[in-house]
N, C-alpha and C. Protein backbone atom coordinates (compact mmCIF):
# COMPACT_ATOMS: atom_id res chain seq x y z
N MET A 1 224.84 176.30 11.30
CA MET A 1 224.91 177.38 12.26
C MET A 1 224.76 176.78 13.66
N SER A 2 225.48 177.32 14.60
CA SER A 2 225.36 176.83 15.98
C SER A 2 224.01 177.27 16.56
N ILE A 3 223.64 176.68 17.68
CA ILE A 3 222.39 177.04 18.36
C ILE A 3 222.44 178.50 18.79
N ALA A 4 223.57 178.95 19.29
CA ALA A 4 223.72 180.35 19.73
C ALA A 4 223.60 181.30 18.53
N GLU A 5 224.24 180.95 17.42
CA GLU A 5 224.17 181.80 16.22
C GLU A 5 222.74 181.88 15.68
N SER A 6 222.05 180.75 15.66
CA SER A 6 220.67 180.76 15.16
C SER A 6 219.76 181.55 16.10
N ALA A 7 219.98 181.45 17.40
CA ALA A 7 219.18 182.22 18.37
C ALA A 7 219.42 183.72 18.20
N THR A 8 220.67 184.11 17.95
CA THR A 8 221.00 185.51 17.73
C THR A 8 220.33 186.03 16.46
N LEU A 9 220.40 185.25 15.38
CA LEU A 9 219.76 185.64 14.12
C LEU A 9 218.25 185.78 14.32
N LYS A 10 217.65 184.80 14.94
CA LYS A 10 216.20 184.81 15.16
C LYS A 10 215.79 186.05 15.96
N ALA A 11 216.52 186.37 17.01
CA ALA A 11 216.20 187.54 17.83
C ALA A 11 216.37 188.83 17.02
N LYS A 12 217.44 188.91 16.24
CA LYS A 12 217.70 190.11 15.42
C LYS A 12 216.57 190.31 14.40
N VAL A 13 216.18 189.23 13.72
CA VAL A 13 215.14 189.33 12.69
C VAL A 13 213.79 189.68 13.32
N LYS A 14 213.46 189.04 14.44
CA LYS A 14 212.18 189.33 15.11
C LYS A 14 212.12 190.78 15.58
N THR A 15 213.21 191.28 16.13
CA THR A 15 213.27 192.67 16.57
C THR A 15 213.10 193.61 15.37
N GLN A 16 213.81 193.33 14.30
CA GLN A 16 213.73 194.13 13.08
C GLN A 16 212.32 194.09 12.50
N ALA A 17 211.73 192.89 12.41
CA ALA A 17 210.39 192.73 11.83
C ALA A 17 209.34 193.50 12.62
N ALA A 18 209.50 193.54 13.93
CA ALA A 18 208.52 194.24 14.79
C ALA A 18 208.52 195.74 14.54
N THR A 19 209.62 196.27 14.01
CA THR A 19 209.70 197.72 13.77
C THR A 19 209.19 198.12 12.39
N ILE A 20 208.94 197.15 11.51
CA ILE A 20 208.55 197.47 10.14
C ILE A 20 207.07 197.83 10.08
N LYS A 21 206.81 199.08 9.74
CA LYS A 21 205.43 199.56 9.54
C LYS A 21 205.12 199.66 8.05
N THR A 22 206.12 200.07 7.26
CA THR A 22 205.98 200.09 5.80
C THR A 22 207.27 199.59 5.18
N LEU A 23 207.14 199.09 3.97
CA LEU A 23 208.30 198.58 3.25
C LEU A 23 208.06 198.76 1.76
N LEU A 24 209.05 199.30 1.09
CA LEU A 24 209.06 199.39 -0.37
C LEU A 24 210.32 198.71 -0.85
N SER A 25 210.20 197.95 -1.92
CA SER A 25 211.37 197.27 -2.45
C SER A 25 211.15 196.93 -3.91
N ASP A 26 212.23 197.01 -4.68
CA ASP A 26 212.21 196.44 -6.02
C ASP A 26 212.44 194.95 -5.86
N PHE A 27 211.98 194.17 -6.82
CA PHE A 27 212.27 192.74 -6.79
C PHE A 27 212.45 192.21 -8.20
N THR A 28 213.23 191.15 -8.28
CA THR A 28 213.37 190.37 -9.50
C THR A 28 212.97 188.95 -9.14
N GLN A 29 212.07 188.41 -9.92
CA GLN A 29 211.55 187.06 -9.65
C GLN A 29 212.04 186.11 -10.74
N TYR A 30 212.48 184.95 -10.31
CA TYR A 30 212.91 183.89 -11.22
C TYR A 30 212.02 182.68 -10.98
N LYS A 31 211.29 182.28 -11.98
CA LYS A 31 210.44 181.09 -11.88
C LYS A 31 211.17 179.96 -12.59
N HIS A 32 211.55 178.95 -11.82
CA HIS A 32 212.29 177.81 -12.37
C HIS A 32 211.32 176.65 -12.58
N LEU A 33 211.24 176.22 -13.83
CA LEU A 33 210.46 175.04 -14.18
C LEU A 33 211.41 174.04 -14.83
N ASP A 34 211.41 172.82 -14.33
CA ASP A 34 212.36 171.82 -14.82
C ASP A 34 212.34 171.63 -16.33
N PHE A 35 211.18 171.77 -16.95
CA PHE A 35 211.09 171.47 -18.38
C PHE A 35 211.56 172.63 -19.27
N LEU A 36 211.91 173.78 -18.68
CA LEU A 36 212.44 174.91 -19.44
C LEU A 36 213.94 175.02 -19.22
N SER A 37 214.65 175.40 -20.27
CA SER A 37 216.11 175.52 -20.15
C SER A 37 216.52 176.80 -19.41
N ASN A 38 215.68 177.84 -19.46
CA ASN A 38 215.97 179.09 -18.76
C ASN A 38 214.83 179.44 -17.81
N ASP A 39 215.18 180.08 -16.70
CA ASP A 39 214.16 180.53 -15.76
C ASP A 39 213.36 181.68 -16.39
N ILE A 40 212.10 181.81 -15.99
CA ILE A 40 211.26 182.92 -16.42
C ILE A 40 211.55 184.08 -15.47
N LYS A 41 211.97 185.20 -16.02
CA LYS A 41 212.38 186.35 -15.21
C LYS A 41 211.36 187.47 -15.33
N SER A 42 210.96 188.02 -14.19
CA SER A 42 210.09 189.19 -14.17
C SER A 42 210.57 190.10 -13.06
N SER A 43 210.12 191.35 -13.10
CA SER A 43 210.55 192.28 -12.06
C SER A 43 209.43 193.27 -11.77
N GLY A 44 209.56 193.91 -10.61
CA GLY A 44 208.55 194.86 -10.21
C GLY A 44 208.84 195.50 -8.87
N LYS A 45 207.76 195.92 -8.21
CA LYS A 45 207.87 196.61 -6.92
C LYS A 45 206.96 195.93 -5.89
N LEU A 46 207.48 195.82 -4.69
CA LEU A 46 206.73 195.30 -3.56
C LEU A 46 206.43 196.47 -2.63
N SER A 47 205.16 196.53 -2.16
CA SER A 47 204.77 197.54 -1.17
C SER A 47 204.09 196.81 -0.03
N PHE A 48 204.45 197.18 1.20
CA PHE A 48 203.83 196.58 2.39
C PHE A 48 203.50 197.70 3.36
N LYS A 49 202.30 197.61 3.95
CA LYS A 49 201.90 198.54 4.99
C LYS A 49 201.24 197.74 6.10
N SER A 50 201.72 197.92 7.31
CA SER A 50 201.22 197.20 8.46
C SER A 50 199.77 197.60 8.72
N PRO A 51 198.90 196.70 9.12
CA PRO A 51 199.26 195.36 9.55
C PRO A 51 199.20 194.30 8.45
N ASN A 52 198.43 194.53 7.35
CA ASN A 52 198.23 193.40 6.45
C ASN A 52 197.98 193.77 4.99
N MET A 53 198.58 194.84 4.51
CA MET A 53 198.42 195.19 3.09
C MET A 53 199.74 194.92 2.37
N VAL A 54 199.66 194.06 1.36
CA VAL A 54 200.84 193.71 0.57
C VAL A 54 200.46 193.79 -0.90
N LYS A 55 201.29 194.49 -1.67
CA LYS A 55 201.07 194.59 -3.11
C LYS A 55 202.33 194.18 -3.85
N TRP A 56 202.18 193.20 -4.73
CA TRP A 56 203.25 192.79 -5.64
C TRP A 56 202.86 193.35 -7.00
N GLU A 57 203.63 194.30 -7.50
CA GLU A 57 203.33 194.91 -8.79
C GLU A 57 204.43 194.54 -9.79
N TYR A 58 204.06 193.68 -10.73
CA TYR A 58 205.00 193.26 -11.77
C TYR A 58 204.99 194.30 -12.88
N LEU A 59 206.18 194.72 -13.30
CA LEU A 59 206.29 195.76 -14.32
C LEU A 59 206.86 195.23 -15.64
N THR A 60 207.73 194.21 -15.56
CA THR A 60 208.27 193.60 -16.77
C THR A 60 208.30 192.08 -16.59
N PRO A 61 208.09 191.28 -17.57
CA PRO A 61 207.84 191.65 -18.97
C PRO A 61 206.38 192.03 -19.24
N PHE A 62 205.54 191.99 -18.23
CA PHE A 62 204.14 192.36 -18.39
C PHE A 62 203.68 193.07 -17.12
N LYS A 63 202.56 193.78 -17.21
CA LYS A 63 202.01 194.48 -16.05
C LYS A 63 200.95 193.60 -15.39
N TYR A 64 201.19 193.35 -14.10
CA TYR A 64 200.31 192.46 -13.35
C TYR A 64 200.46 192.84 -11.88
N ALA A 65 199.36 192.96 -11.17
CA ALA A 65 199.45 193.32 -9.75
C ALA A 65 198.60 192.38 -8.92
N VAL A 66 199.14 192.00 -7.78
CA VAL A 66 198.43 191.18 -6.80
C VAL A 66 198.45 191.95 -5.49
N LEU A 67 197.27 192.16 -4.93
CA LEU A 67 197.12 192.95 -3.71
C LEU A 67 196.37 192.13 -2.67
N PHE A 68 196.99 191.95 -1.50
CA PHE A 68 196.34 191.33 -0.35
C PHE A 68 195.91 192.46 0.57
N LYS A 69 194.56 192.60 0.78
CA LYS A 69 194.05 193.71 1.59
C LYS A 69 192.71 193.32 2.19
N ASN A 70 192.59 193.50 3.51
CA ASN A 70 191.31 193.26 4.20
C ASN A 70 190.69 191.91 3.85
N GLU A 71 191.47 190.86 3.94
CA GLU A 71 191.02 189.49 3.69
C GLU A 71 190.49 189.28 2.27
N THR A 72 190.98 190.10 1.34
CA THR A 72 190.62 189.94 -0.07
C THR A 72 191.90 189.97 -0.90
N LEU A 73 191.94 189.12 -1.90
CA LEU A 73 193.04 189.11 -2.87
C LEU A 73 192.52 189.77 -4.13
N PHE A 74 193.15 190.90 -4.50
CA PHE A 74 192.77 191.63 -5.71
C PHE A 74 193.83 191.36 -6.78
N ILE A 75 193.37 191.11 -7.99
CA ILE A 75 194.28 190.84 -9.11
C ILE A 75 193.96 191.81 -10.23
N ASN A 76 195.00 192.43 -10.77
CA ASN A 76 194.85 193.32 -11.92
C ASN A 76 195.81 192.82 -12.99
N ASP A 77 195.25 192.14 -13.96
CA ASP A 77 196.04 191.56 -15.05
C ASP A 77 195.90 192.45 -16.28
N GLU A 78 196.80 193.44 -16.39
CA GLU A 78 196.80 194.41 -17.48
C GLU A 78 195.42 195.02 -17.69
N GLY A 79 194.78 195.43 -16.59
CA GLY A 79 193.48 196.10 -16.66
C GLY A 79 192.29 195.18 -16.39
N LYS A 80 192.48 193.89 -16.51
CA LYS A 80 191.40 192.93 -16.21
C LYS A 80 191.46 192.64 -14.71
N LYS A 81 190.42 193.10 -14.00
CA LYS A 81 190.43 193.02 -12.53
C LYS A 81 189.53 191.91 -12.02
N SER A 82 189.99 191.27 -10.94
CA SER A 82 189.19 190.26 -10.26
C SER A 82 189.59 190.26 -8.79
N ASN A 83 188.76 189.63 -7.97
CA ASN A 83 189.11 189.53 -6.56
C ASN A 83 188.57 188.22 -5.98
N ILE A 84 189.25 187.78 -4.91
CA ILE A 84 188.93 186.53 -4.24
C ILE A 84 188.83 186.82 -2.75
N ASP A 85 187.74 186.38 -2.12
CA ASP A 85 187.59 186.51 -0.67
C ASP A 85 188.46 185.45 -0.02
N ILE A 86 189.56 185.88 0.62
CA ILE A 86 190.44 184.91 1.26
C ILE A 86 190.07 184.70 2.72
N GLY A 87 189.14 185.53 3.22
CA GLY A 87 188.73 185.42 4.62
C GLY A 87 188.03 184.10 4.93
N SER A 88 187.37 183.53 3.93
CA SER A 88 186.63 182.29 4.16
C SER A 88 187.48 181.05 3.90
N SER A 89 188.69 181.22 3.42
CA SER A 89 189.55 180.09 3.09
C SER A 89 190.73 180.03 4.06
N LYS A 90 190.82 178.96 4.82
CA LYS A 90 191.93 178.78 5.76
C LYS A 90 193.27 178.79 5.01
N MET A 91 193.30 178.15 3.83
CA MET A 91 194.54 178.06 3.06
C MET A 91 195.00 179.46 2.60
N PHE A 92 194.08 180.27 2.09
CA PHE A 92 194.45 181.61 1.65
C PHE A 92 194.84 182.48 2.83
N LYS A 93 194.16 182.35 3.96
CA LYS A 93 194.54 183.11 5.16
C LYS A 93 195.97 182.75 5.57
N GLN A 94 196.26 181.46 5.54
CA GLN A 94 197.59 180.98 5.90
C GLN A 94 198.63 181.53 4.92
N LEU A 95 198.29 181.52 3.64
CA LEU A 95 199.19 182.03 2.61
C LEU A 95 199.44 183.53 2.82
N ASN A 96 198.37 184.29 3.09
CA ASN A 96 198.51 185.72 3.33
C ASN A 96 199.42 186.00 4.52
N THR A 97 199.21 185.26 5.61
CA THR A 97 200.06 185.42 6.80
C THR A 97 201.51 185.09 6.47
N LEU A 98 201.72 184.03 5.71
CA LEU A 98 203.08 183.65 5.32
C LEU A 98 203.73 184.71 4.45
N ILE A 99 202.96 185.29 3.54
CA ILE A 99 203.52 186.33 2.67
C ILE A 99 203.94 187.54 3.50
N ILE A 100 203.06 187.99 4.39
CA ILE A 100 203.39 189.15 5.24
C ILE A 100 204.60 188.84 6.10
N ASN A 101 204.61 187.67 6.73
CA ASN A 101 205.72 187.33 7.62
C ASN A 101 207.02 187.11 6.85
N SER A 102 206.95 186.56 5.64
CA SER A 102 208.18 186.35 4.88
C SER A 102 208.74 187.67 4.38
N VAL A 103 207.88 188.62 4.01
CA VAL A 103 208.34 189.94 3.60
C VAL A 103 209.07 190.61 4.77
N LYS A 104 208.53 190.46 5.96
CA LYS A 104 209.15 191.04 7.15
C LYS A 104 210.29 190.16 7.66
N GLY A 105 210.34 188.90 7.23
CA GLY A 105 211.39 187.99 7.65
C GLY A 105 211.06 187.19 8.89
N ASP A 106 209.83 187.28 9.37
CA ASP A 106 209.47 186.66 10.64
C ASP A 106 208.59 185.42 10.44
N LEU A 107 209.21 184.32 10.05
CA LEU A 107 208.50 183.05 9.87
C LEU A 107 208.87 182.05 10.96
N PHE A 108 209.49 182.51 12.02
CA PHE A 108 210.08 181.61 13.00
C PHE A 108 209.05 180.97 13.93
N ASP A 109 208.05 180.33 13.39
CA ASP A 109 207.03 179.65 14.18
C ASP A 109 207.30 178.14 14.13
N GLU A 110 207.87 177.63 15.20
CA GLU A 110 208.27 176.22 15.23
C GLU A 110 207.08 175.28 15.34
N ASN A 111 205.87 175.82 15.60
CA ASN A 111 204.67 174.98 15.54
C ASN A 111 204.24 174.76 14.09
N GLU A 112 204.59 175.71 13.22
CA GLU A 112 204.21 175.65 11.81
C GLU A 112 205.29 175.04 10.91
N PHE A 113 206.57 175.20 11.32
CA PHE A 113 207.68 174.82 10.45
C PHE A 113 208.76 174.04 11.19
N ASP A 114 209.41 173.14 10.46
CA ASP A 114 210.70 172.61 10.86
C ASP A 114 211.72 173.62 10.30
N ILE A 115 212.58 174.15 11.15
CA ILE A 115 213.46 175.24 10.76
C ILE A 115 214.92 174.80 10.88
N THR A 116 215.70 175.10 9.82
CA THR A 116 217.12 174.77 9.80
C THR A 116 217.90 176.03 9.42
N TYR A 117 219.01 176.27 10.11
CA TYR A 117 219.79 177.50 9.93
C TYR A 117 221.15 177.18 9.31
N PHE A 118 221.58 178.05 8.37
CA PHE A 118 222.87 177.87 7.70
C PHE A 118 223.58 179.21 7.56
N LYS A 119 224.89 179.15 7.46
CA LYS A 119 225.68 180.33 7.10
C LYS A 119 225.84 180.32 5.59
N ASP A 120 225.83 181.51 5.00
CA ASP A 120 226.05 181.66 3.55
C ASP A 120 226.94 182.88 3.38
N GLY A 121 228.25 182.68 3.55
CA GLY A 121 229.17 183.81 3.56
C GLY A 121 228.88 184.67 4.78
N VAL A 122 228.69 185.98 4.57
CA VAL A 122 228.34 186.87 5.68
C VAL A 122 226.83 186.85 5.95
N ASN A 123 226.07 186.25 5.04
CA ASN A 123 224.62 186.18 5.18
C ASN A 123 224.20 184.91 5.93
N SER A 124 222.93 184.85 6.23
CA SER A 124 222.35 183.68 6.89
C SER A 124 221.21 183.16 6.04
N LYS A 125 221.12 181.84 5.89
CA LYS A 125 220.04 181.23 5.13
C LYS A 125 219.25 180.34 6.08
N VAL A 126 217.93 180.47 6.02
CA VAL A 126 217.07 179.69 6.90
C VAL A 126 216.07 178.94 6.04
N TYR A 127 215.96 177.63 6.30
CA TYR A 127 215.01 176.78 5.59
C TYR A 127 213.81 176.54 6.50
N PHE A 128 212.62 176.74 5.93
CA PHE A 128 211.36 176.53 6.64
C PHE A 128 210.58 175.45 5.91
N ASN A 129 210.36 174.31 6.56
CA ASN A 129 209.58 173.23 5.97
C ASN A 129 208.25 173.13 6.69
N PRO A 130 207.13 173.36 5.97
CA PRO A 130 205.81 173.35 6.62
C PRO A 130 205.49 171.99 7.25
N LYS A 131 204.93 172.05 8.44
CA LYS A 131 204.49 170.82 9.12
C LYS A 131 203.08 170.42 8.69
N ASP A 132 202.28 171.38 8.25
CA ASP A 132 200.90 171.14 7.84
C ASP A 132 200.91 170.36 6.51
N LYS A 133 200.39 169.15 6.54
CA LYS A 133 200.42 168.26 5.36
C LYS A 133 199.63 168.85 4.19
N LYS A 134 198.49 169.49 4.47
CA LYS A 134 197.70 170.09 3.38
C LYS A 134 198.49 171.21 2.72
N PHE A 135 199.12 172.05 3.54
CA PHE A 135 199.88 173.17 3.00
C PHE A 135 201.11 172.68 2.23
N SER A 136 201.74 171.63 2.73
CA SER A 136 202.95 171.13 2.08
C SER A 136 202.66 170.47 0.72
N LYS A 137 201.39 170.27 0.40
CA LYS A 137 201.04 169.81 -0.95
C LYS A 137 201.31 170.91 -1.98
N TYR A 138 201.33 172.18 -1.53
CA TYR A 138 201.52 173.32 -2.41
C TYR A 138 202.91 173.92 -2.30
N ILE A 139 203.41 174.01 -1.08
CA ILE A 139 204.74 174.56 -0.84
C ILE A 139 205.54 173.54 -0.03
N LYS A 140 206.61 173.04 -0.63
CA LYS A 140 207.46 172.07 0.06
C LYS A 140 208.35 172.75 1.10
N ALA A 141 208.86 173.94 0.74
CA ALA A 141 209.76 174.64 1.65
C ALA A 141 209.90 176.11 1.25
N PHE A 142 210.27 176.92 2.23
CA PHE A 142 210.68 178.31 2.02
C PHE A 142 212.15 178.37 2.40
N GLN A 143 212.91 179.15 1.66
CA GLN A 143 214.28 179.45 2.04
C GLN A 143 214.42 180.97 2.03
N ILE A 144 214.88 181.53 3.13
CA ILE A 144 215.04 182.98 3.20
C ILE A 144 216.51 183.29 3.48
N LEU A 145 217.05 184.19 2.67
CA LEU A 145 218.42 184.67 2.85
C LEU A 145 218.36 186.04 3.51
N PHE A 146 219.03 186.16 4.66
CA PHE A 146 219.09 187.41 5.42
C PHE A 146 220.48 188.00 5.30
N ASN A 147 220.56 189.34 5.18
CA ASN A 147 221.87 189.97 5.20
C ASN A 147 222.31 190.14 6.65
N GLU A 148 223.47 190.77 6.86
CA GLU A 148 224.03 190.92 8.21
C GLU A 148 223.14 191.72 9.15
N GLU A 149 222.33 192.62 8.58
CA GLU A 149 221.43 193.45 9.41
C GLU A 149 220.14 192.72 9.76
N GLY A 150 219.90 191.57 9.15
CA GLY A 150 218.67 190.83 9.42
C GLY A 150 217.56 191.13 8.43
N ASP A 151 217.88 191.81 7.31
CA ASP A 151 216.90 192.10 6.28
C ASP A 151 216.77 190.91 5.33
N VAL A 152 215.57 190.69 4.82
CA VAL A 152 215.35 189.66 3.81
C VAL A 152 215.91 190.18 2.49
N VAL A 153 216.85 189.45 1.89
CA VAL A 153 217.39 189.84 0.60
C VAL A 153 216.98 188.87 -0.51
N GLU A 154 216.53 187.67 -0.10
CA GLU A 154 216.10 186.69 -1.09
C GLU A 154 215.11 185.72 -0.44
N LEU A 155 214.09 185.36 -1.19
CA LEU A 155 213.07 184.42 -0.74
C LEU A 155 212.90 183.38 -1.84
N LYS A 156 212.93 182.12 -1.45
CA LYS A 156 212.75 181.04 -2.42
C LYS A 156 211.64 180.12 -1.92
N MET A 157 210.63 179.90 -2.76
CA MET A 157 209.53 179.00 -2.44
C MET A 157 209.65 177.78 -3.34
N ILE A 158 209.80 176.62 -2.71
CA ILE A 158 210.00 175.39 -3.46
C ILE A 158 208.72 174.57 -3.44
N GLU A 159 208.29 174.16 -4.62
CA GLU A 159 207.09 173.35 -4.76
C GLU A 159 207.43 171.88 -4.59
N PRO A 160 206.44 171.04 -4.32
CA PRO A 160 206.71 169.60 -4.19
C PRO A 160 207.38 168.99 -5.43
N SER A 161 207.16 169.57 -6.60
CA SER A 161 207.76 169.07 -7.85
C SER A 161 209.22 169.46 -7.98
N GLU A 162 209.73 170.27 -7.03
CA GLU A 162 211.09 170.85 -7.04
C GLU A 162 211.19 172.08 -7.94
N ASP A 163 210.12 172.45 -8.66
CA ASP A 163 210.11 173.75 -9.32
C ASP A 163 210.11 174.79 -8.21
N TYR A 164 210.60 175.99 -8.51
CA TYR A 164 210.64 176.99 -7.46
C TYR A 164 210.49 178.39 -8.02
N THR A 165 210.17 179.31 -7.12
CA THR A 165 210.13 180.73 -7.40
C THR A 165 211.13 181.39 -6.45
N LYS A 166 212.09 182.11 -7.04
CA LYS A 166 213.09 182.82 -6.24
C LYS A 166 212.88 184.32 -6.46
N ILE A 167 212.79 185.06 -5.36
CA ILE A 167 212.60 186.51 -5.44
C ILE A 167 213.79 187.18 -4.76
N VAL A 168 214.45 188.06 -5.50
CA VAL A 168 215.61 188.80 -5.00
C VAL A 168 215.18 190.26 -4.81
N PHE A 169 215.36 190.76 -3.59
CA PHE A 169 214.94 192.12 -3.25
C PHE A 169 216.10 193.09 -3.36
N SER A 170 215.80 194.33 -3.78
CA SER A 170 216.83 195.37 -3.87
C SER A 170 216.17 196.73 -3.60
N ASN A 171 217.00 197.72 -3.31
CA ASN A 171 216.52 199.09 -3.08
C ASN A 171 215.42 199.13 -2.02
N ARG A 172 215.66 198.48 -0.92
CA ARG A 172 214.69 198.36 0.17
C ARG A 172 214.62 199.66 0.96
N ILE A 173 213.38 200.15 1.18
CA ILE A 173 213.15 201.36 1.98
C ILE A 173 212.13 200.99 3.05
N VAL A 174 212.50 201.19 4.31
CA VAL A 174 211.65 200.80 5.43
C VAL A 174 211.12 202.05 6.14
N ASN A 175 209.85 201.96 6.55
CA ASN A 175 209.20 202.97 7.39
C ASN A 175 209.21 204.38 6.80
N THR A 176 208.96 204.43 5.51
CA THR A 176 208.76 205.71 4.85
C THR A 176 207.25 205.99 4.81
N ASN A 177 206.87 207.23 4.57
CA ASN A 177 205.45 207.56 4.47
C ASN A 177 204.90 206.89 3.20
N LEU A 178 203.91 206.03 3.37
CA LEU A 178 203.37 205.25 2.27
C LEU A 178 201.87 205.49 2.19
N SER A 179 201.43 206.10 1.13
CA SER A 179 200.02 206.44 0.96
C SER A 179 199.15 205.19 0.79
N ASP A 180 197.95 205.24 1.37
CA ASP A 180 196.99 204.15 1.17
C ASP A 180 196.59 204.01 -0.29
N ALA A 181 196.76 205.09 -1.07
CA ALA A 181 196.39 205.05 -2.50
C ALA A 181 197.17 203.99 -3.25
N ILE A 182 198.36 203.67 -2.80
CA ILE A 182 199.17 202.61 -3.44
C ILE A 182 198.42 201.29 -3.40
N PHE A 183 197.59 201.11 -2.36
CA PHE A 183 196.91 199.84 -2.15
C PHE A 183 195.47 199.85 -2.68
N ASN A 184 195.14 200.82 -3.52
CA ASN A 184 193.85 200.79 -4.20
C ASN A 184 193.95 199.82 -5.37
N GLN A 185 192.87 199.09 -5.60
CA GLN A 185 192.92 198.15 -6.70
C GLN A 185 192.50 198.87 -7.93
């Protein structure tokens, strides 16, 4: 992508991300592990409410929910509940910020990432490589696919081992009335 094209994309995505107060989306997740012949596929619903509540609710092939809320990570594994204080962990805080920003599509922090822009048909693909050496031990890179409107349609997190998690979003609804009850653990 040219410098002008990448600047236009970045401005469009940042403008769009700033307007997102709530977001609902279905997702399909593909976990690729080199030693398996097929990716592990799961699906569910993503809920986001500004400024910092994110819930990933897996519905198939099992029920599992992960909720980031008020500097706490809540996990509900088919009724078995646990929580982790992420406020005291710099790594978890960074992960929470990355999750919120990647859902909104706004990861364009050149102090945190080396960023490369590509065209992918009518869509745009952006690669984010973490500069933080500690963080890059866990995540080698993020790749986000944006549609023509600047919405995130696919997110890929690549681990240092080259295994990856790819999440494809569908049925996206932005700025609808979203009850806080959705974010109860």
